[in-house]
Each structure stands twice: as structure tokens, then as C-alpha cells.
N, C-alpha and C. Protein backbone atom coordinates (compact mmCIF):
# COMPACT_ATOMS: atom_id res chain seq x y z
N MET A 1 -94.09 158.65 -1.92
CA MET A 1 -95.47 159.11 -1.99
C MET A 1 -95.49 160.61 -2.16
N THR A 2 -96.42 161.07 -2.91
CA THR A 2 -96.55 162.51 -3.04
C THR A 2 -97.23 163.06 -1.80
N GLU A 3 -96.97 164.31 -1.51
CA GLU A 3 -97.61 164.93 -0.35
C GLU A 3 -99.12 164.90 -0.48
N ALA A 4 -99.64 165.08 -1.68
CA ALA A 4 -101.09 165.07 -1.88
C ALA A 4 -101.68 163.70 -1.56
N LEU A 5 -101.00 162.65 -1.95
CA LEU A 5 -101.47 161.30 -1.67
C LEU A 5 -101.49 161.04 -0.16
N VAL A 6 -100.44 161.43 0.53
CA VAL A 6 -100.37 161.26 1.98
C VAL A 6 -101.46 162.08 2.66
N ARG A 7 -101.61 163.33 2.24
CA ARG A 7 -102.63 164.20 2.82
C ARG A 7 -104.02 163.60 2.61
N ASP A 8 -104.29 163.11 1.42
CA ASP A 8 -105.60 162.50 1.13
C ASP A 8 -105.84 161.27 2.00
N TYR A 9 -104.82 160.44 2.14
CA TYR A 9 -104.96 159.22 2.95
C TYR A 9 -105.32 159.58 4.40
N TYR A 10 -104.55 160.50 4.99
CA TYR A 10 -104.80 160.85 6.40
C TYR A 10 -106.06 161.66 6.58
N THR A 11 -106.50 162.37 5.56
CA THR A 11 -107.78 163.06 5.62
C THR A 11 -108.91 162.05 5.76
N ASP A 12 -108.77 160.92 5.07
CA ASP A 12 -109.81 159.89 5.08
C ASP A 12 -109.82 159.03 6.34
N CYS A 13 -108.77 159.09 7.15
CA CYS A 13 -108.71 158.17 8.31
C CYS A 13 -108.37 158.87 9.62
N VAL A 14 -108.82 160.11 9.77
CA VAL A 14 -108.50 160.87 10.98
C VAL A 14 -108.97 160.14 12.24
N ARG A 15 -110.23 159.73 12.27
CA ARG A 15 -110.76 159.07 13.47
C ARG A 15 -110.09 157.72 13.71
N ARG A 16 -109.84 157.00 12.67
CA ARG A 16 -109.15 155.70 12.82
C ARG A 16 -107.74 155.90 13.39
N GLU A 17 -107.05 156.93 12.92
CA GLU A 17 -105.71 157.22 13.44
C GLU A 17 -105.78 157.67 14.90
N TRP A 18 -106.80 158.45 15.26
CA TRP A 18 -106.98 158.88 16.64
C TRP A 18 -107.17 157.68 17.57
N ARG A 19 -107.95 156.71 17.14
CA ARG A 19 -108.26 155.54 17.98
C ARG A 19 -107.18 154.46 17.94
N ARG A 20 -106.29 154.53 16.98
CA ARG A 20 -105.32 153.46 16.74
C ARG A 20 -104.56 153.04 17.99
N LEU A 21 -104.09 153.97 18.77
CA LEU A 21 -103.23 153.63 19.91
C LEU A 21 -103.99 153.21 21.17
N VAL A 22 -105.30 153.24 21.10
CA VAL A 22 -106.09 152.84 22.28
C VAL A 22 -107.17 151.82 21.94
N LYS A 23 -107.14 151.30 20.73
CA LYS A 23 -108.23 150.42 20.29
C LYS A 23 -108.16 149.01 20.85
N ASP A 24 -106.98 148.58 21.27
CA ASP A 24 -106.84 147.24 21.86
C ASP A 24 -105.55 147.18 22.66
N ALA A 25 -105.35 146.06 23.34
CA ALA A 25 -104.18 145.93 24.23
C ALA A 25 -102.87 146.03 23.45
N TYR A 26 -102.81 145.45 22.27
CA TYR A 26 -101.59 145.48 21.47
C TYR A 26 -101.17 146.92 21.18
N HIS A 27 -102.10 147.71 20.67
CA HIS A 27 -101.79 149.10 20.33
C HIS A 27 -101.60 149.95 21.58
N GLY A 28 -102.35 149.62 22.64
CA GLY A 28 -102.15 150.32 23.91
C GLY A 28 -100.75 150.10 24.44
N LEU A 29 -100.22 148.91 24.23
CA LEU A 29 -98.85 148.61 24.65
C LEU A 29 -97.86 149.50 23.90
N GLU A 30 -98.08 149.69 22.62
CA GLU A 30 -97.23 150.60 21.84
C GLU A 30 -97.27 152.00 22.43
N PHE A 31 -98.46 152.48 22.74
CA PHE A 31 -98.62 153.83 23.29
C PHE A 31 -97.91 153.95 24.64
N GLN A 32 -98.16 153.01 25.53
CA GLN A 32 -97.55 153.05 26.86
C GLN A 32 -96.03 152.88 26.81
N THR A 33 -95.54 152.02 25.93
CA THR A 33 -94.09 151.84 25.79
C THR A 33 -93.44 153.11 25.27
N THR A 34 -94.05 153.73 24.28
CA THR A 34 -93.51 154.98 23.75
C THR A 34 -93.50 156.06 24.83
N LEU A 35 -94.59 156.17 25.60
CA LEU A 35 -94.64 157.15 26.68
C LEU A 35 -93.56 156.88 27.72
N HIS A 36 -93.31 155.62 28.01
CA HIS A 36 -92.25 155.25 28.96
C HIS A 36 -90.90 155.80 28.49
N PHE A 37 -90.58 155.58 27.22
CA PHE A 37 -89.29 156.03 26.71
C PHE A 37 -89.24 157.54 26.55
N LEU A 38 -90.37 158.16 26.24
CA LEU A 38 -90.38 159.63 26.21
C LEU A 38 -90.10 160.18 27.60
N GLU A 39 -90.74 159.61 28.60
CA GLU A 39 -90.51 160.05 29.98
C GLU A 39 -89.04 159.90 30.37
N GLU A 40 -88.44 158.84 29.90
CA GLU A 40 -87.04 158.56 30.22
C GLU A 40 -86.07 159.51 29.51
N HIS A 41 -86.42 159.93 28.29
CA HIS A 41 -85.46 160.66 27.47
C HIS A 41 -85.78 162.13 27.21
N LEU A 42 -87.01 162.55 27.43
CA LEU A 42 -87.31 163.97 27.25
C LEU A 42 -86.76 164.76 28.43
N PRO A 43 -86.49 166.04 28.21
CA PRO A 43 -86.10 166.87 29.36
C PRO A 43 -87.26 166.95 30.36
N GLN A 44 -86.99 167.35 31.57
CA GLN A 44 -88.02 167.43 32.61
C GLN A 44 -89.17 168.36 32.22
N LYS A 45 -88.86 169.42 31.49
CA LYS A 45 -89.87 170.37 31.05
C LYS A 45 -89.37 171.01 29.77
N GLY A 46 -90.23 171.77 29.13
CA GLY A 46 -89.80 172.49 27.94
C GLY A 46 -90.82 172.48 26.84
N LEU A 47 -90.40 173.01 25.71
CA LEU A 47 -91.23 173.11 24.52
C LEU A 47 -90.88 171.95 23.59
N VAL A 48 -91.89 171.16 23.24
CA VAL A 48 -91.70 169.97 22.42
C VAL A 48 -92.43 170.16 21.09
N LEU A 49 -91.76 169.85 20.00
CA LEU A 49 -92.39 169.81 18.68
C LEU A 49 -92.83 168.38 18.42
N ASP A 50 -94.12 168.20 18.19
CA ASP A 50 -94.66 166.90 17.79
C ASP A 50 -94.81 166.95 16.27
N ALA A 51 -93.74 166.60 15.57
CA ALA A 51 -93.68 166.72 14.11
C ALA A 51 -94.37 165.55 13.44
N GLY A 52 -95.39 165.83 12.66
CA GLY A 52 -96.18 164.78 12.04
C GLY A 52 -97.09 164.13 13.07
N GLY A 53 -97.55 164.91 14.03
CA GLY A 53 -98.31 164.40 15.17
C GLY A 53 -99.76 164.04 14.89
N GLY A 54 -100.21 164.15 13.66
CA GLY A 54 -101.55 163.71 13.30
C GLY A 54 -102.64 164.34 14.13
N PRO A 55 -103.56 163.51 14.63
CA PRO A 55 -104.70 164.05 15.37
C PRO A 55 -104.39 164.43 16.81
N GLY A 56 -103.13 164.30 17.23
CA GLY A 56 -102.73 164.88 18.50
C GLY A 56 -102.70 164.00 19.73
N ARG A 57 -102.72 162.70 19.58
CA ARG A 57 -102.73 161.80 20.74
C ARG A 57 -101.52 162.06 21.66
N TYR A 58 -100.31 162.10 21.09
CA TYR A 58 -99.13 162.36 21.91
C TYR A 58 -99.05 163.82 22.35
N THR A 59 -99.47 164.72 21.51
CA THR A 59 -99.50 166.14 21.87
C THR A 59 -100.28 166.33 23.17
N ILE A 60 -101.46 165.76 23.22
CA ILE A 60 -102.32 165.91 24.40
C ILE A 60 -101.69 165.25 25.62
N GLU A 61 -101.15 164.07 25.45
CA GLU A 61 -100.54 163.38 26.59
C GLU A 61 -99.33 164.14 27.12
N LEU A 62 -98.52 164.69 26.24
CA LEU A 62 -97.38 165.48 26.70
C LEU A 62 -97.84 166.75 27.41
N ALA A 63 -98.89 167.38 26.91
CA ALA A 63 -99.44 168.56 27.56
C ALA A 63 -99.95 168.20 28.96
N ARG A 64 -100.60 167.07 29.08
CA ARG A 64 -101.06 166.61 30.40
C ARG A 64 -99.90 166.41 31.37
N ARG A 65 -98.76 166.06 30.82
CA ARG A 65 -97.57 165.82 31.65
C ARG A 65 -96.77 167.09 31.90
N GLY A 66 -97.29 168.23 31.46
CA GLY A 66 -96.69 169.51 31.79
C GLY A 66 -95.84 170.15 30.73
N TYR A 67 -95.67 169.51 29.60
CA TYR A 67 -94.88 170.11 28.52
C TYR A 67 -95.71 171.14 27.76
N GLU A 68 -95.02 172.13 27.22
CA GLU A 68 -95.62 172.99 26.20
C GLU A 68 -95.39 172.26 24.89
N VAL A 69 -96.38 172.26 24.01
CA VAL A 69 -96.26 171.45 22.80
C VAL A 69 -96.70 172.25 21.57
N VAL A 70 -95.98 172.05 20.49
CA VAL A 70 -96.39 172.51 19.16
C VAL A 70 -96.69 171.27 18.35
N LEU A 71 -97.89 171.18 17.84
CA LEU A 71 -98.28 170.09 16.96
C LEU A 71 -98.12 170.56 15.52
N LEU A 72 -97.35 169.80 14.75
CA LEU A 72 -97.15 170.10 13.33
C LEU A 72 -97.64 168.91 12.52
N ASP A 73 -98.49 169.16 11.55
CA ASP A 73 -98.94 168.10 10.66
C ASP A 73 -99.30 168.72 9.33
N MET A 74 -99.21 167.91 8.27
CA MET A 74 -99.49 168.42 6.93
C MET A 74 -100.94 168.25 6.51
N THR A 75 -101.77 167.65 7.38
CA THR A 75 -103.15 167.35 7.01
C THR A 75 -104.11 168.25 7.78
N PRO A 76 -104.76 169.18 7.10
CA PRO A 76 -105.70 170.08 7.79
C PRO A 76 -106.78 169.33 8.57
N ALA A 77 -107.25 168.22 8.07
CA ALA A 77 -108.28 167.46 8.79
C ALA A 77 -107.76 166.95 10.13
N ASN A 78 -106.52 166.50 10.17
CA ASN A 78 -105.91 166.08 11.43
C ASN A 78 -105.82 167.26 12.39
N LEU A 79 -105.41 168.40 11.90
CA LEU A 79 -105.24 169.57 12.76
C LEU A 79 -106.57 170.05 13.32
N ALA A 80 -107.60 170.06 12.50
CA ALA A 80 -108.93 170.46 12.98
C ALA A 80 -109.42 169.49 14.06
N PHE A 81 -109.24 168.20 13.81
CA PHE A 81 -109.64 167.18 14.79
C PHE A 81 -108.83 167.36 16.08
N ALA A 82 -107.52 167.57 15.95
CA ALA A 82 -106.65 167.75 17.11
C ALA A 82 -107.09 168.95 17.95
N LYS A 83 -107.45 170.03 17.31
CA LYS A 83 -107.90 171.21 18.05
C LYS A 83 -109.12 170.90 18.90
N ARG A 84 -110.05 170.12 18.35
CA ARG A 84 -111.24 169.72 19.12
C ARG A 84 -110.85 168.83 20.30
N GLN A 85 -109.94 167.88 20.06
CA GLN A 85 -109.51 166.98 21.14
C GLN A 85 -108.74 167.74 22.22
N ILE A 86 -107.97 168.70 21.82
CA ILE A 86 -107.22 169.53 22.78
C ILE A 86 -108.19 170.28 23.68
N ARG A 87 -109.25 170.84 23.09
CA ARG A 87 -110.27 171.54 23.91
C ARG A 87 -110.96 170.56 24.85
N ARG A 88 -111.34 169.38 24.33
CA ARG A 88 -112.00 168.37 25.18
C ARG A 88 -111.11 167.93 26.33
N ALA A 89 -109.82 167.83 26.08
CA ALA A 89 -108.87 167.41 27.13
C ALA A 89 -108.52 168.56 28.08
N LYS A 90 -108.95 169.77 27.72
CA LYS A 90 -108.71 170.97 28.54
C LYS A 90 -107.21 171.22 28.76
N VAL A 91 -106.44 171.09 27.70
CA VAL A 91 -104.99 171.34 27.78
C VAL A 91 -104.55 172.48 26.86
N GLN A 92 -105.50 173.33 26.45
CA GLN A 92 -105.20 174.42 25.53
C GLN A 92 -104.07 175.31 26.04
N ASP A 93 -104.00 175.48 27.35
CA ASP A 93 -102.98 176.37 27.91
C ASP A 93 -101.57 175.84 27.74
N LYS A 94 -101.42 174.54 27.43
CA LYS A 94 -100.10 173.93 27.24
C LYS A 94 -99.75 173.77 25.75
N ILE A 95 -100.67 174.11 24.88
CA ILE A 95 -100.44 173.98 23.43
C ILE A 95 -100.01 175.33 22.89
N ALA A 96 -98.75 175.42 22.53
CA ALA A 96 -98.20 176.68 22.02
C ALA A 96 -98.69 176.99 20.61
N ASN A 97 -98.93 175.93 19.82
CA ASN A 97 -99.36 176.15 18.44
C ASN A 97 -99.81 174.82 17.85
N VAL A 98 -100.76 174.91 16.94
CA VAL A 98 -101.16 173.79 16.09
C VAL A 98 -100.93 174.31 14.68
N ALA A 99 -99.90 173.76 14.02
CA ALA A 99 -99.43 174.36 12.77
C ALA A 99 -99.46 173.37 11.61
N GLU A 100 -99.85 173.88 10.46
CA GLU A 100 -99.81 173.07 9.25
C GLU A 100 -98.42 173.18 8.64
N GLY A 101 -97.85 172.03 8.29
CA GLY A 101 -96.53 172.04 7.67
C GLY A 101 -95.98 170.64 7.56
N SER A 102 -94.81 170.56 6.99
CA SER A 102 -94.16 169.28 6.72
C SER A 102 -92.83 169.18 7.47
N ILE A 103 -92.45 167.97 7.78
CA ILE A 103 -91.17 167.74 8.46
C ILE A 103 -89.98 168.05 7.57
N VAL A 104 -90.19 168.20 6.28
CA VAL A 104 -89.08 168.51 5.38
C VAL A 104 -88.89 170.01 5.20
N ASN A 105 -89.76 170.80 5.82
CA ASN A 105 -89.61 172.26 5.77
C ASN A 105 -90.10 172.84 7.08
N LEU A 106 -89.16 173.07 7.98
CA LEU A 106 -89.50 173.61 9.29
C LEU A 106 -89.14 175.09 9.38
N SER A 107 -89.10 175.77 8.24
CA SER A 107 -88.66 177.17 8.21
C SER A 107 -89.61 178.10 8.97
N GLN A 108 -90.80 177.64 9.28
CA GLN A 108 -91.72 178.49 10.05
C GLN A 108 -91.29 178.61 11.52
N PHE A 109 -90.32 177.78 11.92
CA PHE A 109 -89.81 177.82 13.29
C PHE A 109 -88.36 178.29 13.29
N ALA A 110 -88.04 179.18 14.20
CA ALA A 110 -86.66 179.64 14.33
C ALA A 110 -85.79 178.50 14.85
N ASP A 111 -84.53 178.50 14.47
CA ASP A 111 -83.58 177.53 15.01
C ASP A 111 -83.56 177.63 16.54
N ASN A 112 -83.32 176.52 17.18
CA ASN A 112 -83.20 176.46 18.64
C ASN A 112 -84.49 176.82 19.36
N THR A 113 -85.63 176.59 18.72
CA THR A 113 -86.93 176.88 19.33
C THR A 113 -87.33 175.82 20.33
N PHE A 114 -87.02 174.56 20.03
CA PHE A 114 -87.57 173.45 20.80
C PHE A 114 -86.53 172.80 21.71
N ASP A 115 -87.03 172.33 22.85
CA ASP A 115 -86.19 171.58 23.78
C ASP A 115 -86.13 170.11 23.39
N ALA A 116 -87.12 169.65 22.63
CA ALA A 116 -87.15 168.27 22.13
C ALA A 116 -88.08 168.22 20.93
N THR A 117 -87.86 167.24 20.08
CA THR A 117 -88.70 167.04 18.90
C THR A 117 -89.06 165.57 18.79
N LEU A 118 -90.34 165.31 18.57
CA LEU A 118 -90.82 163.95 18.32
C LEU A 118 -91.15 163.83 16.85
N CYS A 119 -90.87 162.69 16.30
CA CYS A 119 -91.32 162.37 14.94
C CYS A 119 -91.65 160.88 14.98
N LEU A 120 -92.80 160.58 15.57
CA LEU A 120 -93.19 159.19 15.82
C LEU A 120 -94.07 158.65 14.69
N GLY A 121 -93.98 157.36 14.48
CA GLY A 121 -94.84 156.73 13.49
C GLY A 121 -94.37 156.91 12.07
N GLY A 122 -95.26 157.33 11.21
CA GLY A 122 -94.99 157.30 9.79
C GLY A 122 -94.42 158.51 9.10
N PRO A 123 -94.29 159.68 9.74
CA PRO A 123 -93.92 160.86 8.95
C PRO A 123 -92.67 160.69 8.08
N LEU A 124 -91.62 160.13 8.61
CA LEU A 124 -90.41 159.97 7.79
C LEU A 124 -90.58 158.90 6.72
N SER A 125 -91.44 157.92 6.97
CA SER A 125 -91.64 156.86 5.97
C SER A 125 -92.40 157.38 4.75
N HIS A 126 -93.04 158.53 4.86
CA HIS A 126 -93.78 159.09 3.73
C HIS A 126 -92.92 159.99 2.86
N VAL A 127 -91.69 160.21 3.25
CA VAL A 127 -90.78 161.06 2.47
C VAL A 127 -89.91 160.14 1.60
N LEU A 128 -90.11 160.19 0.30
CA LEU A 128 -89.40 159.28 -0.60
C LEU A 128 -88.29 159.96 -1.39
N ASP A 129 -88.40 161.25 -1.60
CA ASP A 129 -87.39 161.97 -2.34
C ASP A 129 -86.09 162.02 -1.53
N ALA A 130 -84.99 161.56 -2.11
CA ALA A 130 -83.71 161.46 -1.38
C ALA A 130 -83.27 162.80 -0.80
N HIS A 131 -83.43 163.87 -1.55
CA HIS A 131 -83.03 165.19 -1.06
C HIS A 131 -83.88 165.60 0.15
N LYS A 132 -85.17 165.33 0.07
CA LYS A 132 -86.06 165.69 1.18
C LYS A 132 -85.78 164.83 2.41
N ILE A 133 -85.45 163.56 2.19
CA ILE A 133 -85.11 162.69 3.32
C ILE A 133 -83.89 163.23 4.04
N GLU A 134 -82.86 163.57 3.26
CA GLU A 134 -81.64 164.11 3.85
C GLU A 134 -81.94 165.40 4.61
N ARG A 135 -82.77 166.23 4.01
CA ARG A 135 -83.15 167.50 4.65
C ARG A 135 -83.89 167.25 5.96
N ALA A 136 -84.81 166.31 5.96
CA ALA A 136 -85.59 166.01 7.18
C ALA A 136 -84.69 165.51 8.30
N TYR A 137 -83.70 164.73 7.96
CA TYR A 137 -82.82 164.18 8.98
C TYR A 137 -81.74 165.16 9.46
N THR A 138 -81.52 166.24 8.72
CA THR A 138 -80.44 167.14 9.10
C THR A 138 -80.91 168.50 9.57
N LEU A 139 -82.21 168.75 9.58
CA LEU A 139 -82.69 170.05 10.05
C LEU A 139 -82.37 170.21 11.54
N PRO A 140 -81.98 171.40 11.94
CA PRO A 140 -81.66 171.64 13.35
C PRO A 140 -82.95 171.75 14.19
N LEU A 141 -83.42 170.63 14.69
CA LEU A 141 -84.70 170.61 15.40
C LEU A 141 -84.56 170.94 16.87
N LEU A 142 -83.45 170.58 17.46
CA LEU A 142 -83.31 170.73 18.90
C LEU A 142 -82.51 171.96 19.26
N GLY A 143 -82.85 172.52 20.41
CA GLY A 143 -82.12 173.68 20.92
C GLY A 143 -80.87 173.25 21.63
């Protein structure tokens, strides 16, 4: 998929994506299971990159749990929505940055910046170019 196609798709479904993990028991189970494994495998504290974090559902939950978080997404509409949700959740003090960008180019962040990196859901599935896939999987994300 081209970046423009992906950006257009997520621009059109920001609210649907925000509600996806809480809309019913099935999707709620996905959310709770993912949080369980994050709790088990993330460091006790630190700076977490939520790469491709969309409208910020996990960003906000991690901030509530005491992490500092950087939300990265390529869709301006997701980022604008996430900023509003972050304010509503009153977790602004735990959000280090809400940044526009792609998982295939993390040059805006210095190496060894993050204590952990999340890339949940679809971000890697939207990268079809073989070179970009290799780049996304080999970037030094963790400190």
C-alpha cells in the first residue's frame, strides 16, 4: 500500500479505530490481553515509543500506568484526535511527544532514546516495499 492510501484510510476512520478495542467483549479481550503482556514484558518504568499508535488508545493507557510515552503515527487526523483524548484523560504530563512520522523512518529520534517500543496492530502490515520492511525491522528502536 502506498503511504497516501494508508493515510487516507485512517483519516476516514479515526473514531472507528478509537472505539475498536472497547466496542464489544471480543475486542475488549484483545485490549486486555495485550495490556497483560505489556505489563509482563515492559520495563517497570521508562520512555515508550508507541509506533503507529493511531488515535492513542495504548498511549493513554501506558501513560495512566506511569510510563512516559511518545506517540508516532503517519496520519495527522489520528494525531489531532489523540491530542484531544490525551487532554480528556488528563495524562499530558506523561506524554513526551505526539509526532508525525513513519515506522520506516525514525530518524527524528536519536538512537537509544526509548526503553521500549510498541508496534501493535497494522503498522508493519502496511509496509509492502521489501527494502522498507527490512528497514522497519532492523532500526535500533530500543535503548
